[in-house]
Amino acid sequence: MNFGKVLIVAGILLIVLGGFITLGGKLPPLGRLPGDIVYRSGNVTFYFPLTTMILISITLSFLLRLLR
């Protein structure tokens, strides 16, 4: 693995982490995004975080692509 790529990924992660810390209360938390499906009926709750899964998949794909 190239050391330059490691530094780039570490920098991107720090920027994202800093953004989450700075905008923490202003952004909707993961799991409560528009497109996440929640069905409640009596004692049954069905939760399907569709949008959250897509965002995590895109983010991980981008990071893994940088590490190649």
PDB file of N, CA and C in Angstrom:
ATOM      1  N   MET A   1       0.853  -1.178   0.000  1.00  0.00           N
ATOM      2  CA  MET A   1       0.000   0.000   0.000  1.00  0.00           C
ATOM      3  C   MET A   1       0.900   1.243   0.000  1.00  0.00           C
ATOM      4  N   ASN A   2       0.530   2.206  -0.790  1.00  0.00           N
ATOM      5  CA  ASN A   2       1.300   3.428  -0.921  1.00  0.00           C
ATOM      6  C   ASN A   2       1.028   4.346   0.273  1.00  0.00           C
ATOM      7  N   PHE A   3       2.089   4.875   0.859  1.00  0.00           N
ATOM      8  CA  PHE A   3       1.954   5.726   2.043  1.00  0.00           C
ATOM      9  C   PHE A   3       1.162   6.990   1.739  1.00  0.00           C
ATOM     10  N   GLY A   4       1.273   7.502   0.527  1.00  0.00           N
ATOM     11  CA  GLY A   4       0.521   8.694   0.136  1.00  0.00           C
ATOM     12  C   GLY A   4      -0.982   8.464   0.175  1.00  0.00           C
ATOM     13  N   LYS A   5      -1.411   7.284  -0.273  1.00  0.00           N
ATOM     14  CA  LYS A   5      -2.839   6.957  -0.237  1.00  0.00           C
ATOM     15  C   LYS A   5      -3.341   6.858   1.198  1.00  0.00           C
ATOM     16  N   VAL A   6      -2.519   6.308   2.063  1.00  0.00           N
ATOM     17  CA  VAL A   6      -2.903   6.198   3.475  1.00  0.00           C
ATOM     18  C   VAL A   6      -3.095   7.584   4.072  1.00  0.00           C
ATOM     19  N   LEU A   7      -2.206   8.509   3.748  1.00  0.00           N
ATOM     20  CA  LEU A   7      -2.337   9.876   4.255  1.00  0.00           C
ATOM     21  C   LEU A   7      -3.581  10.565   3.699  1.00  0.00           C
ATOM     22  N   ILE A   8      -3.893  10.333   2.436  1.00  0.00           N
ATOM     23  CA  ILE A   8      -5.090  10.932   1.846  1.00  0.00           C
ATOM     24  C   ILE A   8      -6.339  10.409   2.526  1.00  0.00           C
ATOM     25  N   VAL A   9      -6.427   9.100   2.715  1.00  0.00           N
ATOM     26  CA  VAL A   9      -7.598   8.506   3.366  1.00  0.00           C
ATOM     27  C   VAL A   9      -7.713   8.993   4.807  1.00  0.00           C
ATOM     28  N   ALA A  10      -6.591   9.068   5.516  1.00  0.00           N
ATOM     29  CA  ALA A  10      -6.621   9.560   6.899  1.00  0.00           C
ATOM     30  C   ALA A  10      -7.097  11.012   6.938  1.00  0.00           C
ATOM     31  N   GLY A  11      -6.651  11.826   5.998  1.00  0.00           N
ATOM     32  CA  GLY A  11      -7.098  13.216   5.939  1.00  0.00           C
ATOM     33  C   GLY A  11      -8.582  13.334   5.653  1.00  0.00           C
ATOM     34  N   ILE A  12      -9.080  12.530   4.727  1.00  0.00           N
ATOM     35  CA  ILE A  12     -10.513  12.552   4.416  1.00  0.00           C
ATOM     36  C   ILE A  12     -11.324  12.119   5.623  1.00  0.00           C
ATOM     37  N   LEU A  13     -10.877  11.084   6.310  1.00  0.00           N
ATOM     38  CA  LEU A  13     -11.588  10.625   7.507  1.00  0.00           C
ATOM     39  C   LEU A  13     -11.609  11.702   8.589  1.00  0.00           C
ATOM     40  N   LEU A  14     -10.503  12.410   8.762  1.00  0.00           N
ATOM     41  CA  LEU A  14     -10.464  13.484   9.756  1.00  0.00           C
ATOM     42  C   LEU A  14     -11.388  14.639   9.373  1.00  0.00           C
ATOM     43  N   ILE A  15     -11.456  14.959   8.091  1.00  0.00           N
ATOM     44  CA  ILE A  15     -12.365  16.017   7.641  1.00  0.00           C
ATOM     45  C   ILE A  15     -13.815  15.616   7.882  1.00  0.00           C
ATOM     46  N   VAL A  16     -14.160  14.381   7.549  1.00  0.00           N
ATOM     47  CA  VAL A  16     -15.530  13.899   7.761  1.00  0.00           C
ATOM     48  C   VAL A  16     -15.863  13.878   9.242  1.00  0.00           C
ATOM     49  N   LEU A  17     -14.943  13.384  10.061  1.00  0.00           N
ATOM     50  CA  LEU A  17     -15.162  13.348  11.507  1.00  0.00           C
ATOM     51  C   LEU A  17     -15.323  14.760  12.064  1.00  0.00           C
ATOM     52  N   GLY A  18     -14.498  15.685  11.620  1.00  0.00           N
ATOM     53  CA  GLY A  18     -14.621  17.076  12.057  1.00  0.00           C
ATOM     54  C   GLY A  18     -15.947  17.690  11.641  1.00  0.00           C
ATOM     55  N   GLY A  19     -16.415  17.352  10.443  1.00  0.00           N
ATOM     56  CA  GLY A  19     -17.718  17.837   9.992  1.00  0.00           C
ATOM     57  C   GLY A  19     -18.851  17.303  10.844  1.00  0.00           C
ATOM     58  N   PHE A  20     -18.770  16.017  11.207  1.00  0.00           N
ATOM     59  CA  PHE A  20     -19.802  15.439  12.071  1.00  0.00           C
ATOM     60  C   PHE A  20     -19.791  16.082  13.450  1.00  0.00           C
ATOM     61  N   ILE A  21     -18.619  16.362  13.970  1.00  0.00           N
ATOM     62  CA  ILE A  21     -18.534  16.983  15.292  1.00  0.00           C
ATOM     63  C   ILE A  21     -19.062  18.420  15.237  1.00  0.00           C
ATOM     64  N   THR A  22     -18.686  19.158  14.198  1.00  0.00           N
ATOM     65  CA  THR A  22     -19.111  20.549  14.070  1.00  0.00           C
ATOM     66  C   THR A  22     -20.612  20.680  13.824  1.00  0.00           C
ATOM     67  N   LEU A  23     -21.137  19.851  12.941  1.00  0.00           N
ATOM     68  CA  LEU A  23     -22.541  19.951  12.558  1.00  0.00           C
ATOM     69  C   LEU A  23     -23.407  18.909  13.262  1.00  0.00           C
ATOM     70  N   GLY A  24     -22.913  18.337  14.327  1.00  0.00           N
ATOM     71  CA  GLY A  24     -23.571  17.222  15.005  1.00  0.00           C
ATOM     72  C   GLY A  24     -25.043  17.391  15.276  1.00  0.00           C
ATOM     73  N   GLY A  25     -25.471  18.495  15.834  1.00  0.00           N
ATOM     74  CA  GLY A  25     -26.867  18.679  16.163  1.00  0.00           C
ATOM     75  C   GLY A  25     -27.721  19.138  14.998  1.00  0.00           C
ATOM     76  N   LYS A  26     -27.091  19.573  13.906  1.00  0.00           N
ATOM     77  CA  LYS A  26     -27.835  20.128  12.781  1.00  0.00           C
ATOM     78  C   LYS A  26     -28.157  19.092  11.705  1.00  0.00           C
ATOM     79  N   LEU A  27     -27.402  17.998  11.662  1.00  0.00           N
ATOM     80  CA  LEU A  27     -27.625  16.969  10.656  1.00  0.00           C
ATOM     81  C   LEU A  27     -28.518  15.869  11.207  1.00  0.00           C
ATOM     82  N   PRO A  28     -29.368  15.285  10.358  1.00  0.00           N
ATOM     83  CA  PRO A  28     -30.164  14.156  10.850  1.00  0.00           C
ATOM     84  C   PRO A  28     -29.245  12.965  11.112  1.00  0.00           C
ATOM     85  N   PRO A  29     -29.443  12.273  12.211  1.00  0.00           N
ATOM     86  CA  PRO A  29     -28.565  11.148  12.513  1.00  0.00           C
ATOM     87  C   PRO A  29     -28.800   9.991  11.546  1.00  0.00           C
ATOM     88  N   LEU A  30     -27.756   9.203  11.340  1.00  0.00           N
ATOM     89  CA  LEU A  30     -27.918   8.019  10.508  1.00  0.00           C
ATOM     90  C   LEU A  30     -28.962   7.116  11.141  1.00  0.00           C
ATOM     91  N   GLY A  31     -29.816   6.557  10.334  1.00  0.00           N
ATOM     92  CA  GLY A  31     -30.893   5.731  10.833  1.00  0.00           C
ATOM     93  C   GLY A  31     -32.214   6.458  10.890  1.00  0.00           C
ATOM     94  N   ARG A  32     -32.186   7.756  10.736  1.00  0.00           N
ATOM     95  CA  ARG A  32     -33.418   8.558  10.725  1.00  0.00           C
ATOM     96  C   ARG A  32     -33.466   9.459   9.498  1.00  0.00           C
ATOM     97  N   LEU A  33     -32.874   9.002   8.432  1.00  0.00           N
ATOM     98  CA  LEU A  33     -32.845   9.776   7.197  1.00  0.00           C
ATOM     99  C   LEU A  33     -34.133   9.561   6.407  1.00  0.00           C
ATOM    100  N   PRO A  34     -34.482  10.515   5.543  1.00  0.00           N
ATOM    101  CA  PRO A  34     -35.634  10.286   4.666  1.00  0.00           C
ATOM    102  C   PRO A  34     -35.353   9.069   3.781  1.00  0.00           C
ATOM    103  N   GLY A  35     -36.278   8.172   3.699  1.00  0.00           N
ATOM    104  CA  GLY A  35     -36.081   6.945   2.931  1.00  0.00           C
ATOM    105  C   GLY A  35     -35.868   5.732   3.812  1.00  0.00           C
ATOM    106  N   ASP A  36     -35.555   5.927   5.078  1.00  0.00           N
ATOM    107  CA  ASP A  36     -35.479   4.822   6.027  1.00  0.00           C
ATOM    108  C   ASP A  36     -36.903   4.429   6.397  1.00  0.00           C
ATOM    109  N   ILE A  37     -37.198   3.151   6.304  1.00  0.00           N
ATOM    110  CA  ILE A  37     -38.565   2.671   6.482  1.00  0.00           C
ATOM    111  C   ILE A  37     -38.753   2.157   7.902  1.00  0.00           C
ATOM    112  N   VAL A  38     -39.771   2.682   8.591  1.00  0.00           N
ATOM    113  CA  VAL A  38     -40.127   2.230   9.940  1.00  0.00           C
ATOM    114  C   VAL A  38     -41.622   1.941   9.949  1.00  0.00           C
ATOM    115  N   TYR A  39     -41.981   0.724  10.360  1.00  0.00           N
ATOM    116  CA  TYR A  39     -43.386   0.338  10.460  1.00  0.00           C
ATOM    117  C   TYR A  39     -43.654  -0.093  11.895  1.00  0.00           C
ATOM    118  N   ARG A  40     -44.594   0.572  12.548  1.00  0.00           N
ATOM    119  CA  ARG A  40     -44.950   0.237  13.932  1.00  0.00           C
ATOM    120  C   ARG A  40     -46.419  -0.153  13.974  1.00  0.00           C
ATOM    121  N   SER A  41     -46.686  -1.288  14.602  1.00  0.00           N
ATOM    122  CA  SER A  41     -48.058  -1.752  14.749  1.00  0.00           C
ATOM    123  C   SER A  41     -48.146  -2.576  16.025  1.00  0.00           C
ATOM    124  N   GLY A  42     -48.783  -2.027  17.031  1.00  0.00           N
ATOM    125  CA  GLY A  42     -48.918  -2.749  18.298  1.00  0.00           C
ATOM    126  C   GLY A  42     -47.564  -3.015  18.933  1.00  0.00           C
ATOM    127  N   ASN A  43     -47.246  -4.293  19.127  1.00  0.00           N
ATOM    128  CA  ASN A  43     -45.975  -4.689  19.744  1.00  0.00           C
ATOM    129  C   ASN A  43     -44.881  -4.965  18.718  1.00  0.00           C
ATOM    130  N   VAL A  44     -45.167  -4.742  17.442  1.00  0.00           N
ATOM    131  CA  VAL A  44     -44.224  -5.072  16.380  1.00  0.00           C
ATOM    132  C   VAL A  44     -43.663  -3.791  15.773  1.00  0.00           C
ATOM    133  N   THR A  45     -42.343  -3.750  15.648  1.00  0.00           N
ATOM    134  CA  THR A  45     -41.681  -2.645  14.959  1.00  0.00           C
ATOM    135  C   THR A  45     -40.753  -3.234  13.906  1.00  0.00           C
ATOM    136  N   PHE A  46     -40.936  -2.816  12.658  1.00  0.00           N
ATOM    137  CA  PHE A  46     -40.075  -3.242  11.556  1.00  0.00           C
ATOM    138  C   PHE A  46     -39.285  -2.028  11.098  1.00  0.00           C
ATOM    139  N   TYR A  47     -37.961  -2.174  11.058  1.00  0.00           N
ATOM    140  CA  TYR A  47     -37.083  -1.066  10.718  1.00  0.00           C
ATOM    141  C   TYR A  47     -36.180  -1.495   9.573  1.00  0.00           C
ATOM    142  N   PHE A  48     -36.195  -0.746   8.472  1.00  0.00           N
ATOM    143  CA  PHE A  48     -35.369  -1.033   7.304  1.00  0.00           C
ATOM    144  C   PHE A  48     -34.672   0.257   6.879  1.00  0.00           C
ATOM    145  N   PRO A  49     -33.404   0.448   7.286  1.00  0.00           N
ATOM    146  CA  PRO A  49     -32.686   1.707   7.012  1.00  0.00           C
ATOM    147  C   PRO A  49     -32.119   1.759   5.591  1.00  0.00           C
ATOM    148  N   LEU A  50     -32.976   1.890   4.607  1.00  0.00           N
ATOM    149  CA  LEU A  50     -32.573   1.841   3.204  1.00  0.00           C
ATOM    150  C   LEU A  50     -31.593   2.958   2.839  1.00  0.00           C
ATOM    151  N   THR A  51     -31.936   4.191   3.121  1.00  0.00           N
ATOM    152  CA  THR A  51     -31.077   5.327   2.774  1.00  0.00           C
ATOM    153  C   THR A  51     -29.751   5.270   3.527  1.00  0.00           C
ATOM    154  N   THR A  52     -29.796   4.903   4.789  1.00  0.00           N
ATOM    155  CA  THR A  52     -28.576   4.797   5.582  1.00  0.00           C
ATOM    156  C   THR A  52     -27.647   3.741   4.999  1.00  0.00           C
ATOM    157  N   MET A  53     -28.199   2.594   4.594  1.00  0.00           N
ATOM    158  CA  MET A  53     -27.374   1.535   4.008  1.00  0.00           C
ATOM    159  C   MET A  53     -26.745   1.984   2.700  1.00  0.00           C
ATOM    160  N   ILE A  54     -27.492   2.733   1.893  1.00  0.00           N
ATOM    161  CA  ILE A  54     -26.952   3.217   0.620  1.00  0.00           C
ATOM    162  C   ILE A  54     -25.812   4.205   0.864  1.00  0.00           C
ATOM    163  N   LEU A  55     -25.988   5.130   1.806  1.00  0.00           N
ATOM    164  CA  LEU A  55     -24.920   6.097   2.117  1.00  0.00           C
ATOM    165  C   LEU A  55     -23.668   5.409   2.642  1.00  0.00           C
ATOM    166  N   ILE A  56     -23.832   4.443   3.522  1.00  0.00           N
ATOM    167  CA  ILE A  56     -22.682   3.715   4.061  1.00  0.00           C
ATOM    168  C   ILE A  56     -21.992   2.931   2.954  1.00  0.00           C
ATOM    169  N   SER A  57     -22.757   2.320   2.061  1.00  0.00           N
ATOM    170  CA  SER A  57     -22.189   1.565   0.949  1.00  0.00           C
ATOM    171  C   SER A  57     -21.384   2.461   0.015  1.00  0.00           C
ATOM    172  N   ILE A  58     -21.925   3.622  -0.325  1.00  0.00           N
ATOM    173  CA  ILE A  58     -21.210   4.556  -1.203  1.00  0.00           C
ATOM    174  C   ILE A  58     -19.927   5.043  -0.540  1.00  0.00           C
ATOM    175  N   THR A  59     -20.006   5.371   0.748  1.00  0.00           N
ATOM    176  CA  THR A  59     -18.829   5.855   1.476  1.00  0.00           C
ATOM    177  C   THR A  59     -17.745   4.788   1.545  1.00  0.00           C
ATOM    178  N   LEU A  60     -18.118   3.566   1.905  1.00  0.00           N
ATOM    179  CA  LEU A  60     -17.130   2.489   1.990  1.00  0.00           C
ATOM    180  C   LEU A  60     -16.554   2.151   0.621  1.00  0.00           C
ATOM    181  N   SER A  61     -17.375   2.167  -0.425  1.00  0.00           N
ATOM    182  CA  SER A  61     -16.876   1.902  -1.778  1.00  0.00           C
ATOM    183  C   SER A  61     -15.855   2.953  -2.193  1.00  0.00           C
ATOM    184  N   PHE A  62     -16.136   4.215  -1.880  1.00  0.00           N
ATOM    185  CA  PHE A  62     -15.207   5.295  -2.210  1.00  0.00           C
ATOM    186  C   PHE A  62     -13.887   5.131  -1.460  1.00  0.00           C
ATOM    187  N   LEU A  63     -13.961   4.835  -0.163  1.00  0.00           N
ATOM    188  CA  LEU A  63     -12.738   4.679   0.627  1.00  0.00           C
ATOM    189  C   LEU A  63     -11.928   3.471   0.172  1.00  0.00           C
ATOM    190  N   LEU A  64     -12.593   2.364  -0.118  1.00  0.00           N
ATOM    191  CA  LEU A  64     -11.874   1.180  -0.581  1.00  0.00           C
ATOM    192  C   LEU A  64     -11.276   1.406  -1.962  1.00  0.00           C
ATOM    193  N   ARG A  65     -11.945   2.193  -2.790  1.00  0.00           N
ATOM    194  CA  ARG A  65     -11.407   2.517  -4.108  1.00  0.00           C
ATOM    195  C   ARG A  65     -10.118   3.346  -3.977  1.00  0.00           C
ATOM    196  N   LEU A  66     -10.074   4.237  -2.991  1.00  0.00           N
ATOM    197  CA  LEU A  66      -8.861   5.034  -2.767  1.00  0.00           C
ATOM    198  C   LEU A  66      -7.695   4.170  -2.306  1.00  0.00           C
ATOM    199  N   LEU A  67      -7.984   3.101  -1.596  1.00  0.00           N
ATOM    200  CA  LEU A  67      -6.924   2.243  -1.066  1.00  0.00           C
ATOM    201  C   LEU A  67      -6.353   1.285  -2.106  1.00  0.00           C
ATOM    202  N   ARG A  68      -6.994   1.150  -3.247  1.00  0.00           N
ATOM    203  CA  ARG A  68      -6.497   0.247  -4.289  1.00  0.00           C
ATOM    204  C   ARG A  68      -5.259   0.733  -4.928  1.00  0.00           C
TER     205      ARG A  68
END
